[in-house]
Amino acid sequence: MGDSYVIALDFGTAYSGYAFNITTSEQESDPRIKSWGADHGLDTPKTSTCILFDQNEEFLKFGYEAKTTYIKMRGEEAKKHYFFEGFKMALYGKNFKIKAANNKEMTALKVFSESLRFLKDDALKTINSKAPGQNFTPSDFTWVLTVPAIWDESAKQFMREAATQAGIVTEGTEDKLMIALEPEAASVWCKKLPSDGFITENHNSNSLDQTKGFQTIIVDCGGGTIDITVHKILNNGALKEKHRASGNNLGGQTVDRKFQEFLREIFTDGVWDEYEETYPSEVQKMIFEFSRLKQVDEDIEIPCPFNLGKLARRKKDIEKFFESVQGASWNKGVIKISREKLRSFYDESLQGMTKSLKEILEKDLKIDFILLVGGFAESKILRQHIIEQFVGKYKILCPARPQEAILRGAVEFGRNPKIVTCRRSRFTYGVAVLKKFDESEHKQEKKLLADGKEWCKDIFKKLLEVGQDVAWDETREHLLNAADPKQTQMSVRLFRTEKKNPEYVDDSGVEEIGSFVVKLCNSKTNQERKVKIELNFGSAIRATGTDLNTGKKSTLKFEFKNV
């Protein structure tokens, strides 16, 4: 897997980008990252996660180009186009359709796959331009796609399907696509950094890689999610997950949302609602301006767009809108927001982050470092809050370029996936099996008659327990026997729960996450009818069932459930 060329795609809620390595496995070299935004006076390791389609749902642009094209559109023209931003969070709630800025909908799979297709094509174009005479194609690479650690298997499966539809892998080359957990990738990179590689640091001059046995909480501060994982650094420099991934959906875009709510609070009498409805592209520009300013910890100034001012003046003098609000003032076409008000936009997100961290720290895991990564970690307000809350007890680290840590680590992970030796299972996994019916033990309504024998159906057969260590690429197995010698197929259903020892698959808190059917050999052959179930824990969970008589395999597809 890690022998040659790697491309890592960090498809984020707010920003996306890619990194690559086209050296051989024997050669050590830092991953290369594409720089974005030169046409807009920017130089960033990621571009905005925005995508623009025309009125016929045909792809037009991605990233900064999508945003600036949309922002320049006049009201009616903007309403015809499909502009999506922050849509990665749709998977956090399993929505199958996503709303564009004009309130029209498109299928999530198309929006995601076209985004990944753009990143794939751009990566190949960049690499081929740096390697004259070569013509790299997707199959030449191991592809690493980063996802939040708190995402479940159906969301990871969705990303796999989107990647396949985007032409990153094809049927038969699925093994060339790896799923990396975002905080895990960040940890892989940061443990290599020397002391001067951090902007927030209070430890000695050794890199984390040299601090064997130390335990680190990695807080991936993204646009959509706050993702938290605990790692122990082993003697060989590998990482062992010590606490199952946790977190919340209160990332940096929560701050953007609070800013937008404050603008609605200022521009009352329906002014802001009309502005959002009539000039959606201008609203996007204001949010973009704010997202660039929110890294500071001081008063900020946002220019008031002409059309917002025009709508406001129809009601009353603009100054009067500011008389009833605290923390904002008007100054010659500029909205000034005080440092205190800016900090208040962070309250919900920072409280959620502190709560999640304290829940882990109370478990007495002997934590040495708190490592802050992700684009949201570039905020001085966020970093200062964590320092104030936890300094003295723990060493606080933040790499000099926190937005790049995941990308760079994902490339390293693609070269050597075994660097993360084991993870903690977030759930108990099991399959539905039959057991000989016992009046004293089983529910009467679970009784089933097959081949003249009494069975108890829906028994939860545990394959992996919540909180258990599971090694990279480890496989758990179980043999299922056919209850009826005449049956021609066996249905295999996989379940998960946060309970340790569920009895039945329909107990409260147990959910079915996928199923598949295994065709059985000819029943006239009197052979024992056995199916081997294998649950593999690599970069994502894979489940297969094999008829032991024929060797034929069936593979589980995780179900997508609307919630």
Protein backbone atom coordinates (compact mmCIF):
# COMPACT_ATOMS: atom_id res chain seq x y z
CA MET A 1 0.00 0.00 0.00
CA GLY A 2 2.62 2.54 0.96
CA ASP A 3 5.27 1.63 -1.61
CA SER A 4 5.05 4.46 -4.13
CA TYR A 5 2.91 7.47 -4.88
CA VAL A 6 0.28 8.98 -2.57
CA ILE A 7 -2.33 11.72 -2.99
CA ALA A 8 -4.23 12.83 0.11
CA LEU A 9 -7.51 14.73 -0.21
CA ASP A 10 -8.63 16.74 2.81
CA PHE A 11 -12.24 17.47 2.01
CA GLY A 12 -13.21 19.85 4.80
CA THR A 13 -16.41 21.61 5.80
CA ALA A 14 -14.95 25.08 5.29
CA TYR A 15 -11.77 24.43 3.26
CA SER A 16 -10.41 21.64 1.08
CA GLY A 17 -7.08 20.81 -0.48
CA TYR A 18 -4.64 18.07 -1.33
CA ALA A 19 -1.06 16.99 -0.75
CA PHE A 20 1.03 14.43 -2.59
CA ASN A 21 4.27 12.51 -2.56
CA ILE A 22 5.83 11.13 -5.72
CA THR A 23 9.05 9.76 -4.27
CA THR A 24 9.76 6.08 -3.75
CA SER A 25 9.24 4.51 -0.32
CA GLU A 26 12.98 4.51 0.45
CA GLN A 27 13.21 8.25 0.03
CA GLU A 28 12.13 10.59 2.83
CA SER A 29 10.63 13.86 1.69
CA ASP A 30 7.96 16.19 2.98
CA PRO A 31 4.58 15.98 1.25
CA ARG A 32 3.96 18.75 -1.25
CA ILE A 33 0.84 20.88 -0.81
CA LYS A 34 -0.97 22.77 -3.56
CA SER A 35 -1.19 26.52 -2.87
CA TRP A 36 -4.51 28.20 -3.66
CA GLY A 37 -5.82 31.72 -4.26
CA ALA A 38 -3.07 33.46 -6.25
CA ASP A 39 -5.70 35.07 -8.53
CA HIS A 40 -7.40 36.52 -5.45
CA GLY A 41 -4.32 37.83 -3.67
CA LEU A 42 -4.18 34.77 -1.41
CA ASP A 43 -1.67 32.03 -0.71
CA THR A 44 -3.41 29.30 1.29
CA PRO A 45 -2.94 25.51 1.68
CA LYS A 46 -6.65 24.97 1.02
CA THR A 47 -9.43 26.54 -0.99
CA SER A 48 -13.01 27.18 0.10
CA THR A 49 -15.24 24.11 0.06
CA CYS A 50 -17.71 25.69 -2.33
CA ILE A 51 -19.11 24.31 -5.56
CA LEU A 52 -21.13 26.02 -8.28
CA PHE A 53 -23.47 24.36 -10.80
CA ASP A 54 -25.43 26.00 -13.59
CA GLN A 55 -29.23 25.92 -13.83
CA ASN A 56 -29.04 22.51 -15.53
CA GLU A 57 -27.06 21.05 -12.60
CA GLU A 58 -23.86 20.96 -14.66
CA PHE A 59 -20.60 21.54 -12.75
CA LEU A 60 -19.01 24.98 -13.27
CA LYS A 61 -16.41 25.78 -10.59
CA PHE A 62 -15.03 24.73 -7.21
CA GLY A 63 -13.27 26.62 -4.41
CA TYR A 64 -12.38 30.31 -4.42
CA GLU A 65 -13.36 30.51 -8.12
CA ALA A 66 -16.83 29.15 -7.33
CA LYS A 67 -17.28 31.66 -4.52
CA THR A 68 -16.03 34.73 -6.41
CA THR A 69 -18.04 33.81 -9.54
CA TYR A 70 -21.18 33.44 -7.45
CA ILE A 71 -20.52 36.64 -5.47
CA LYS A 72 -20.25 38.64 -8.71
CA MET A 73 -23.60 37.40 -9.99
CA ARG A 74 -26.59 39.73 -9.99
CA GLY A 75 -29.63 38.77 -7.91
CA GLU A 76 -31.70 36.99 -10.59
CA GLU A 77 -28.72 35.25 -12.14
CA ALA A 78 -27.56 34.02 -8.71
CA LYS A 79 -31.01 32.57 -8.04
CA LYS A 80 -30.77 30.35 -11.15
CA HIS A 81 -27.46 28.76 -10.12
CA TYR A 82 -26.77 26.07 -7.54
CA PHE A 83 -24.14 27.28 -5.06
CA PHE A 84 -23.21 24.97 -2.18
CA GLU A 85 -21.06 25.79 0.84
CA GLY A 86 -20.54 23.96 4.14
CA PHE A 87 -22.33 20.93 2.72
CA LYS A 88 -20.03 18.34 4.28
CA MET A 89 -22.10 18.67 7.45
CA ALA A 90 -25.06 17.22 5.55
CA LEU A 91 -23.49 13.81 6.18
CA TYR A 92 -23.42 14.52 9.90
CA GLY A 93 -27.22 14.31 9.69
CA LYS A 94 -27.44 11.85 6.76
CA ASN A 95 -29.41 14.12 4.44
CA PHE A 96 -29.74 12.66 0.95
CA LYS A 97 -30.43 15.99 -0.69
CA ILE A 98 -28.61 19.24 -0.01
CA LYS A 99 -30.03 22.74 -0.24
CA ALA A 100 -28.18 25.28 -2.35
CA ALA A 101 -28.02 29.01 -1.54
CA ASN A 102 -31.10 29.52 -3.76
CA ASN A 103 -32.99 26.90 -1.67
CA LYS A 104 -33.14 24.44 -4.59
CA GLU A 105 -31.91 20.92 -3.89
CA MET A 106 -29.50 18.47 -5.49
CA THR A 107 -28.58 14.93 -4.50
CA ALA A 108 -25.76 14.78 -1.96
CA LEU A 109 -23.90 12.12 -3.96
CA LYS A 110 -23.64 14.39 -7.01
CA VAL A 111 -22.45 17.41 -4.99
CA PHE A 112 -19.81 15.35 -3.16
CA SER A 113 -18.62 13.35 -6.16
CA GLU A 114 -18.24 16.44 -8.38
CA SER A 115 -16.22 18.13 -5.61
CA LEU A 116 -13.94 15.10 -5.31
CA ARG A 117 -13.68 14.88 -9.12
CA PHE A 118 -12.42 18.48 -9.24
CA LEU A 119 -9.82 17.84 -6.51
CA LYS A 120 -8.69 14.61 -8.23
CA ASP A 121 -8.36 16.28 -11.66
CA ASP A 122 -6.56 19.31 -10.23
CA ALA A 123 -4.13 17.09 -8.28
CA LEU A 124 -3.23 15.07 -11.39
CA LYS A 125 -2.85 18.26 -13.43
CA THR A 126 -0.52 19.76 -10.78
CA ILE A 127 1.57 16.57 -10.49
CA ASN A 128 1.86 16.06 -14.26
CA SER A 129 3.01 19.69 -14.66
CA LYS A 130 5.82 19.00 -12.15
CA ALA A 131 6.87 15.75 -13.83
CA PRO A 132 7.47 16.49 -17.56
CA GLY A 133 7.25 13.45 -19.78
CA GLN A 134 5.10 11.53 -17.31
CA ASN A 135 1.36 11.13 -17.56
CA PHE A 136 0.09 9.97 -14.21
CA THR A 137 -3.42 8.53 -13.98
CA PRO A 138 -5.54 7.84 -10.87
CA SER A 139 -4.52 4.17 -10.76
CA ASP A 140 -0.85 5.15 -10.26
CA PHE A 141 -1.61 6.41 -6.75
CA THR A 142 -2.74 5.33 -3.34
CA TRP A 143 -5.49 7.82 -2.50
CA VAL A 144 -6.14 8.88 1.09
CA LEU A 145 -9.43 10.55 1.90
CA THR A 146 -9.70 12.21 5.33
CA VAL A 147 -12.92 12.10 7.38
CA PRO A 148 -13.86 13.15 10.93
CA ALA A 149 -13.21 10.42 13.49
CA ILE A 150 -16.75 10.81 14.83
CA TRP A 151 -18.33 9.89 11.48
CA ASP A 152 -19.97 6.48 11.37
CA GLU A 153 -19.46 3.73 8.83
CA SER A 154 -22.35 4.70 6.55
CA ALA A 155 -20.86 8.20 6.12
CA LYS A 156 -17.45 6.66 5.30
CA GLN A 157 -19.15 4.31 2.83
CA PHE A 158 -20.88 7.31 1.25
CA MET A 159 -17.49 8.98 0.74
CA ARG A 160 -16.15 5.79 -0.83
CA GLU A 161 -19.08 5.75 -3.26
CA ALA A 162 -18.58 9.44 -4.05
CA ALA A 163 -14.85 8.79 -4.68
CA THR A 164 -15.70 5.89 -7.00
CA GLN A 165 -18.22 8.02 -8.90
CA ALA A 166 -15.56 10.75 -9.17
CA GLY A 167 -13.18 8.31 -10.92
CA ILE A 168 -10.63 8.23 -8.09
CA VAL A 169 -10.94 4.44 -7.95
CA THR A 170 -12.90 1.95 -10.00
CA GLU A 171 -14.43 -1.43 -9.28
CA GLY A 172 -11.47 -3.69 -8.77
CA THR A 173 -9.12 -0.93 -7.56
CA GLU A 174 -11.05 -0.03 -4.37
CA ASP A 175 -8.02 -1.05 -2.29
CA LYS A 176 -6.19 2.00 -3.69
CA LEU A 177 -8.49 4.22 -1.61
CA MET A 178 -7.82 4.57 2.12
CA ILE A 179 -9.93 6.39 4.69
CA ALA A 180 -7.86 8.32 7.26
CA LEU A 181 -9.37 9.80 10.41
CA GLU A 182 -8.58 13.52 10.54
CA PRO A 183 -7.17 13.76 14.10
CA GLU A 184 -5.21 10.57 13.47
CA ALA A 185 -3.59 12.06 10.36
CA ALA A 186 -2.76 15.26 12.26
CA SER A 187 -1.18 13.25 15.06
CA VAL A 188 0.98 11.31 12.58
CA TRP A 189 2.42 14.57 11.27
CA CYS A 190 2.75 16.54 14.51
CA LYS A 191 4.69 13.83 16.32
CA LYS A 192 7.52 14.41 13.80
CA LEU A 193 7.69 18.19 14.35
CA PRO A 194 10.58 19.71 16.32
CA SER A 195 9.87 22.12 19.16
CA ASP A 196 10.10 25.16 16.89
CA GLY A 197 7.39 23.70 14.65
CA PHE A 198 4.71 24.87 17.11
CA ILE A 199 3.27 28.35 17.72
CA THR A 200 1.70 27.39 21.03
CA GLU A 201 4.14 25.20 22.89
CA ASN A 202 5.63 24.72 26.32
CA HIS A 203 7.62 21.53 26.16
CA ASN A 204 11.31 20.68 25.69
CA SER A 205 13.22 20.66 22.41
CA ASN A 206 12.43 17.03 21.58
CA SER A 207 9.86 16.18 18.93
CA LEU A 208 6.80 14.24 20.11
CA ASP A 209 8.24 11.26 18.24
CA GLN A 210 11.05 11.11 20.80
CA THR A 211 8.73 11.24 23.82
CA LYS A 212 7.95 7.50 24.07
CA GLY A 213 5.03 6.55 26.24
CA PHE A 214 3.55 10.06 26.26
CA GLN A 215 -0.19 10.42 25.79
CA THR A 216 -1.69 13.21 23.74
CA ILE A 217 -5.22 14.49 23.21
CA ILE A 218 -5.56 15.61 19.60
CA VAL A 219 -8.28 18.23 19.11
CA ASP A 220 -9.06 18.64 15.41
CA CYS A 221 -10.74 22.04 15.23
CA GLY A 222 -12.48 21.96 11.87
CA GLY A 223 -15.09 24.12 10.21
CA GLY A 224 -17.89 21.67 10.92
CA THR A 225 -16.74 19.35 13.69
CA ILE A 226 -14.56 19.33 16.78
CA ASP A 227 -12.99 15.88 16.65
CA ILE A 228 -11.09 14.51 19.66
CA THR A 229 -8.84 11.45 19.88
CA VAL A 230 -6.28 10.24 22.47
CA HIS A 231 -3.01 8.66 21.30
CA LYS A 232 -0.11 7.02 23.08
CA ILE A 233 3.29 7.15 21.36
CA LEU A 234 4.84 3.67 21.35
CA ASN A 235 8.53 2.75 21.37
CA ASN A 236 8.65 2.35 17.58
CA GLY A 237 7.04 5.77 17.04
CA ALA A 238 3.68 4.19 16.17
CA LEU A 239 0.42 5.47 17.62
CA LYS A 240 -2.08 3.58 19.75
CA GLU A 241 -5.53 5.01 20.28
CA LYS A 242 -6.29 5.10 24.01
CA HIS A 243 -9.80 6.53 23.97
CA ARG A 244 -12.47 6.13 21.32
CA ALA A 245 -13.07 9.17 19.13
CA SER A 246 -15.49 11.75 20.43
CA GLY A 247 -16.47 15.33 19.70
CA ASN A 248 -19.32 17.45 18.40
CA ASN A 249 -20.54 19.45 15.42
CA LEU A 250 -19.65 22.87 16.89
CA GLY A 251 -16.70 23.77 14.66
CA GLY A 252 -15.66 27.12 13.19
CA GLN A 253 -18.81 27.55 11.14
CA THR A 254 -20.73 27.83 14.42
CA VAL A 255 -18.92 31.17 14.86
CA ASP A 256 -19.88 32.22 11.31
CA ARG A 257 -23.50 31.36 12.07
CA LYS A 258 -23.45 33.48 15.26
CA PHE A 259 -22.09 36.39 13.21
CA GLN A 260 -24.93 36.00 10.72
CA GLU A 261 -27.49 35.86 13.55
CA PHE A 262 -26.01 39.10 14.93
CA LEU A 263 -26.44 40.82 11.55
CA ARG A 264 -30.10 39.78 11.63
CA GLU A 265 -30.29 41.24 15.15
CA ILE A 266 -28.88 44.56 13.86
CA PHE A 267 -30.87 44.83 10.63
CA THR A 268 -34.39 44.36 11.97
CA ASP A 269 -37.76 45.17 10.35
CA GLY A 270 -37.17 42.37 7.82
CA VAL A 271 -34.15 44.14 6.27
CA TRP A 272 -31.71 41.25 6.74
CA ASP A 273 -34.27 38.64 5.62
CA GLU A 274 -34.93 40.60 2.42
CA TYR A 275 -31.19 41.03 1.85
CA GLU A 276 -30.56 37.27 2.24
CA GLU A 277 -33.39 36.50 -0.16
CA THR A 278 -32.49 39.09 -2.81
CA TYR A 279 -28.67 39.12 -2.68
CA PRO A 280 -27.51 35.64 -1.56
CA SER A 281 -24.11 36.06 -3.25
CA GLU A 282 -23.42 39.26 -1.29
CA VAL A 283 -24.25 37.47 1.96
CA GLN A 284 -21.63 34.87 1.00
CA LYS A 285 -19.09 37.65 0.50
CA MET A 286 -19.76 39.08 3.97
CA ILE A 287 -19.35 35.64 5.58
CA PHE A 288 -16.13 35.13 3.63
CA GLU A 289 -14.77 38.50 4.82
CA PHE A 290 -15.68 37.60 8.38
CA SER A 291 -14.06 34.14 8.20
CA ARG A 292 -10.75 35.81 7.30
CA LEU A 293 -11.04 38.31 10.16
CA LYS A 294 -12.07 35.93 12.92
CA GLN A 295 -8.52 34.67 13.50
CA VAL A 296 -7.74 37.86 15.46
CA ASP A 297 -8.60 38.77 19.04
CA GLU A 298 -9.46 42.46 18.63
CA ASP A 299 -12.16 44.79 17.28
CA ILE A 300 -13.01 44.00 13.64
CA GLU A 301 -14.50 46.05 10.80
CA ILE A 302 -16.71 44.66 8.02
CA PRO A 303 -17.59 46.90 5.03
CA CYS A 304 -21.37 47.20 4.64
CA PRO A 305 -22.37 46.19 1.09
CA PHE A 306 -24.14 48.89 -0.94
CA ASN A 307 -27.35 46.86 -1.37
CA LEU A 308 -27.66 46.12 2.35
CA GLY A 309 -27.28 49.83 3.08
CA LYS A 310 -29.88 50.67 0.41
CA LEU A 311 -32.46 48.26 1.89
CA ALA A 312 -31.77 49.54 5.42
CA ARG A 313 -32.18 53.22 4.46
CA ARG A 314 -35.64 52.51 3.10
CA LYS A 315 -36.69 51.87 6.70
CA LYS A 316 -34.64 54.45 8.64
CA ASP A 317 -31.18 56.00 9.03
CA ILE A 318 -28.58 53.23 9.28
CA GLU A 319 -27.20 54.60 12.58
CA LYS A 320 -30.58 53.94 14.20
CA PHE A 321 -30.28 50.18 13.54
CA PHE A 322 -27.26 50.13 15.86
CA GLU A 323 -28.88 51.97 18.76
CA SER A 324 -30.59 48.88 20.16
CA VAL A 325 -27.64 46.43 19.93
CA GLN A 326 -24.61 45.97 22.14
CA GLY A 327 -21.15 45.41 20.64
CA ALA A 328 -21.60 46.97 17.20
CA SER A 329 -21.38 50.48 15.79
CA TRP A 330 -21.65 52.24 12.44
CA ASN A 331 -18.78 54.28 11.04
CA LYS A 332 -18.92 55.69 7.49
CA GLY A 333 -20.06 52.57 5.65
CA VAL A 334 -18.33 50.13 7.97
CA ILE A 335 -19.83 47.81 10.60
CA LYS A 336 -17.52 47.77 13.60
CA ILE A 337 -17.79 44.79 15.96
CA SER A 338 -16.14 44.96 19.37
CA ARG A 339 -13.63 42.40 20.60
CA GLU A 340 -16.07 41.36 23.37
CA LYS A 341 -18.89 40.76 20.89
CA LEU A 342 -16.55 38.83 18.58
CA ARG A 343 -15.55 36.64 21.52
CA SER A 344 -19.24 35.99 22.31
CA PHE A 345 -19.67 34.38 18.87
CA TYR A 346 -17.24 31.70 20.08
CA ASP A 347 -19.04 30.88 23.35
CA GLU A 348 -21.13 27.91 22.18
CA SER A 349 -18.27 26.29 20.27
CA LEU A 350 -15.66 26.80 23.02
CA GLN A 351 -18.02 25.59 25.76
CA GLY A 352 -18.74 22.44 23.72
CA MET A 353 -15.01 21.89 23.17
CA THR A 354 -14.19 22.40 26.86
CA LYS A 355 -17.00 20.03 27.91
CA SER A 356 -15.80 17.29 25.53
CA LEU A 357 -12.19 17.70 26.69
CA LYS A 358 -13.07 17.64 30.39
CA GLU A 359 -15.11 14.45 29.94
CA ILE A 360 -11.99 12.71 28.59
CA LEU A 361 -9.56 14.27 31.07
CA GLU A 362 -11.74 13.08 33.99
CA LYS A 363 -11.04 9.48 32.92
CA ASP A 364 -7.52 9.63 34.38
CA LEU A 365 -5.76 8.70 31.13
CA LYS A 366 -2.51 10.38 32.26
CA ILE A 367 -2.51 12.95 29.45
CA ASP A 368 0.71 14.87 28.80
CA PHE A 369 -0.16 17.10 25.83
CA ILE A 370 -3.22 18.78 24.31
CA LEU A 371 -2.56 19.17 20.58
CA LEU A 372 -4.68 21.70 18.64
CA VAL A 373 -4.90 21.25 14.85
CA GLY A 374 -7.24 22.20 12.00
CA GLY A 375 -8.08 25.53 10.40
CA PHE A 376 -10.20 26.72 13.34
CA ALA A 377 -7.08 26.36 15.57
CA GLU A 378 -5.63 29.38 13.73
CA SER A 379 -7.96 31.52 15.85
CA LYS A 380 -6.19 33.35 18.69
CA ILE A 381 -9.43 33.37 20.68
CA LEU A 382 -9.68 29.56 20.53
CA ARG A 383 -6.04 28.97 21.44
CA GLN A 384 -6.15 31.46 24.31
CA HIS A 385 -9.31 29.85 25.69
CA ILE A 386 -7.74 26.37 25.76
CA ILE A 387 -4.58 27.74 27.38
CA GLU A 388 -6.63 29.53 30.06
CA GLN A 389 -8.68 26.39 30.76
CA PHE A 390 -5.91 23.80 30.87
CA VAL A 391 -2.45 25.34 31.18
CA GLY A 392 -0.55 24.28 34.30
CA LYS A 393 -2.01 20.78 34.17
CA TYR A 394 -1.20 19.97 30.52
CA LYS A 395 1.21 21.16 27.85
CA ILE A 396 -0.67 22.91 25.04
CA LEU A 397 0.67 22.49 21.49
CA CYS A 398 -0.45 23.97 18.17
CA PRO A 399 1.66 23.52 15.01
CA ALA A 400 2.75 26.63 13.13
CA ARG A 401 0.44 25.71 10.23
CA PRO A 402 -2.44 23.87 11.90
CA GLN A 403 -4.50 23.76 8.71
CA GLU A 404 -1.80 21.71 6.94
CA ALA A 405 -1.26 19.08 9.65
CA ILE A 406 -4.05 16.76 8.50
CA LEU A 407 -3.02 16.90 4.83
CA ARG A 408 0.64 16.23 5.54
CA GLY A 409 -0.16 13.46 8.01
CA ALA A 410 -2.59 11.83 5.59
CA VAL A 411 0.22 11.43 3.03
CA GLU A 412 2.44 9.82 5.70
CA PHE A 413 -0.47 7.56 6.64
CA GLY A 414 -0.89 6.52 2.99
CA ARG A 415 2.78 5.54 2.87
CA ASN A 416 2.61 3.60 6.13
CA PRO A 417 -0.95 2.86 7.38
CA LYS A 418 0.39 0.61 10.15
CA ILE A 419 1.76 3.70 11.91
CA VAL A 420 -1.58 3.70 13.78
CA THR A 421 -1.29 0.28 15.39
CA CYS A 422 -4.74 0.08 16.95
CA ARG A 423 -7.93 1.98 17.63
CA ARG A 424 -10.65 1.83 20.26
CA SER A 425 -13.99 0.63 18.98
CA ARG A 426 -16.73 3.25 19.27
CA PHE A 427 -19.42 0.56 19.25
CA THR A 428 -20.20 -3.07 20.03
CA TYR A 429 -20.64 -4.86 16.69
CA GLY A 430 -22.48 -8.11 16.17
CA VAL A 431 -24.63 -10.23 13.87
CA ALA A 432 -28.08 -11.76 14.29
CA VAL A 433 -27.89 -15.53 14.95
CA LEU A 434 -30.18 -18.40 15.93
CA LYS A 435 -29.76 -20.32 19.17
CA LYS A 436 -31.50 -23.47 20.39
CA PHE A 437 -34.61 -22.25 22.18
CA ASP A 438 -34.53 -22.41 25.98
CA GLU A 439 -37.85 -21.72 27.77
CA SER A 440 -36.05 -20.48 30.89
CA GLU A 441 -33.75 -18.10 28.99
CA HIS A 442 -35.47 -16.79 25.88
CA LYS A 443 -38.53 -14.70 25.09
CA GLN A 444 -41.50 -16.73 23.88
CA GLU A 445 -42.11 -14.41 20.91
CA LYS A 446 -38.60 -15.17 19.65
CA LYS A 447 -39.37 -18.88 19.13
CA LEU A 448 -38.88 -20.14 15.57
CA LEU A 449 -39.47 -23.63 14.14
CA ALA A 450 -37.01 -24.80 11.46
CA ASP A 451 -36.29 -28.35 10.28
CA GLY A 452 -38.42 -29.68 13.14
CA LYS A 453 -36.31 -27.90 15.78
CA GLU A 454 -37.09 -24.97 18.05
CA TRP A 455 -34.77 -21.96 17.71
CA CYS A 456 -34.53 -18.53 19.29
CA LYS A 457 -34.13 -15.85 16.62
CA ASP A 458 -32.58 -12.34 16.77
CA ILE A 459 -29.81 -13.27 19.22
CA PHE A 460 -27.03 -10.63 19.20
CA LYS A 461 -23.75 -12.45 18.57
CA LYS A 462 -20.96 -10.08 19.59
CA LEU A 463 -17.94 -9.73 17.28
CA LEU A 464 -16.34 -6.67 18.90
CA GLU A 465 -17.10 -4.84 22.14
CA VAL A 466 -17.30 -1.07 22.63
CA GLY A 467 -14.01 0.33 23.96
CA GLN A 468 -12.04 -2.76 22.86
CA ASP A 469 -8.69 -2.36 21.10
CA VAL A 470 -8.77 -3.38 17.46
CA ALA A 471 -5.52 -3.62 15.51
CA TRP A 472 -5.00 -2.09 12.10
CA ASP A 473 -6.46 -4.45 9.47
CA GLU A 474 -7.59 -6.91 12.18
CA THR A 475 -10.35 -9.35 11.22
CA ARG A 476 -12.95 -10.82 13.58
CA GLU A 477 -14.65 -14.06 12.43
CA HIS A 478 -17.75 -16.07 13.25
CA LEU A 479 -19.26 -19.21 11.67
CA LEU A 480 -22.99 -19.27 10.98
CA ASN A 481 -24.82 -22.57 10.44
CA ALA A 482 -27.89 -22.88 8.26
CA ALA A 483 -30.89 -23.79 10.43
CA ASP A 484 -32.69 -25.54 7.58
CA PRO A 485 -30.80 -27.93 5.27
CA LYS A 486 -33.12 -26.97 2.39
CA GLN A 487 -32.43 -23.22 2.46
CA THR A 488 -30.71 -21.80 -0.63
CA GLN A 489 -29.40 -18.59 0.89
CA MET A 490 -28.55 -17.01 4.23
CA SER A 491 -29.28 -13.43 5.20
CA VAL A 492 -26.54 -11.83 7.31
CA ARG A 493 -27.40 -8.68 9.28
CA LEU A 494 -24.79 -6.53 11.05
CA PHE A 495 -25.71 -4.43 14.09
CA ARG A 496 -24.05 -1.94 16.39
CA THR A 497 -24.78 -0.46 19.81
CA GLU A 498 -23.05 1.48 22.56
CA LYS A 499 -24.11 -1.26 25.02
CA LYS A 500 -21.52 -3.85 26.04
CA ASN A 501 -23.70 -6.96 26.12
CA PRO A 502 -27.01 -6.68 24.26
CA GLU A 503 -29.12 -9.82 24.25
CA TYR A 504 -31.25 -9.33 21.16
CA VAL A 505 -30.69 -7.35 17.98
CA ASP A 506 -33.95 -5.45 18.53
CA ASP A 507 -33.06 -4.31 22.07
CA SER A 508 -33.32 -0.54 22.58
CA GLY A 509 -30.16 1.26 21.46
CA VAL A 510 -29.25 -1.44 18.90
CA GLU A 511 -29.38 -0.48 15.23
CA GLU A 512 -28.93 -2.44 12.03
CA ILE A 513 -26.18 -0.88 9.91
CA GLY A 514 -26.16 -3.20 6.93
CA SER A 515 -26.98 -6.61 5.54
CA PHE A 516 -26.16 -8.95 2.70
CA VAL A 517 -27.27 -12.32 1.36
CA VAL A 518 -24.93 -15.30 0.94
CA LYS A 519 -26.00 -17.83 -1.72
CA LEU A 520 -25.64 -21.39 -0.43
CA CYS A 521 -24.53 -24.44 -2.39
CA ASN A 522 -26.97 -27.05 -3.69
CA SER A 523 -28.91 -28.42 -0.71
CA LYS A 524 -28.96 -31.97 -2.20
CA THR A 525 -25.28 -32.50 -1.47
CA ASN A 526 -25.79 -33.22 2.28
CA GLN A 527 -22.80 -31.03 3.09
CA GLU A 528 -22.80 -28.98 6.27
CA ARG A 529 -24.12 -25.51 5.41
CA LYS A 530 -21.71 -23.03 6.99
CA VAL A 531 -21.03 -19.36 6.27
CA LYS A 532 -17.92 -17.61 7.59
CA ILE A 533 -18.53 -14.00 8.61
CA GLU A 534 -15.45 -11.75 8.57
CA LEU A 535 -15.45 -8.22 9.99
CA ASN A 536 -12.30 -6.37 8.94
CA PHE A 537 -11.14 -3.15 10.61
CA GLY A 538 -8.79 -1.35 8.24
CA SER A 539 -9.24 2.26 7.19
CA ALA A 540 -12.97 1.46 7.32
CA ILE A 541 -15.03 -1.54 8.39
CA ARG A 542 -15.61 -4.18 5.74
CA ALA A 543 -17.82 -7.22 6.26
CA THR A 544 -17.90 -10.32 4.07
CA GLY A 545 -19.68 -13.65 4.18
CA THR A 546 -18.25 -16.78 2.54
CA ASP A 547 -20.07 -20.03 1.78
CA LEU A 548 -17.41 -22.49 3.02
CA ASN A 549 -18.53 -25.15 0.54
CA THR A 550 -18.20 -23.03 -2.59
CA GLY A 551 -15.86 -20.24 -1.48
CA LYS A 552 -18.27 -17.65 -2.91
CA LYS A 553 -18.20 -14.31 -1.09
CA SER A 554 -20.76 -11.57 -0.50
CA THR A 555 -19.94 -8.10 0.80
CA LEU A 556 -21.91 -5.88 3.12
CA LYS A 557 -23.04 -2.42 2.05
CA PHE A 558 -23.69 -0.06 4.92
CA GLU A 559 -27.17 1.40 4.98
CA PHE A 560 -27.82 5.14 4.87
CA LYS A 561 -30.54 6.16 7.27
CA ASN A 562 -32.22 9.55 7.36
CA VAL A 563 -32.39 10.90 10.90
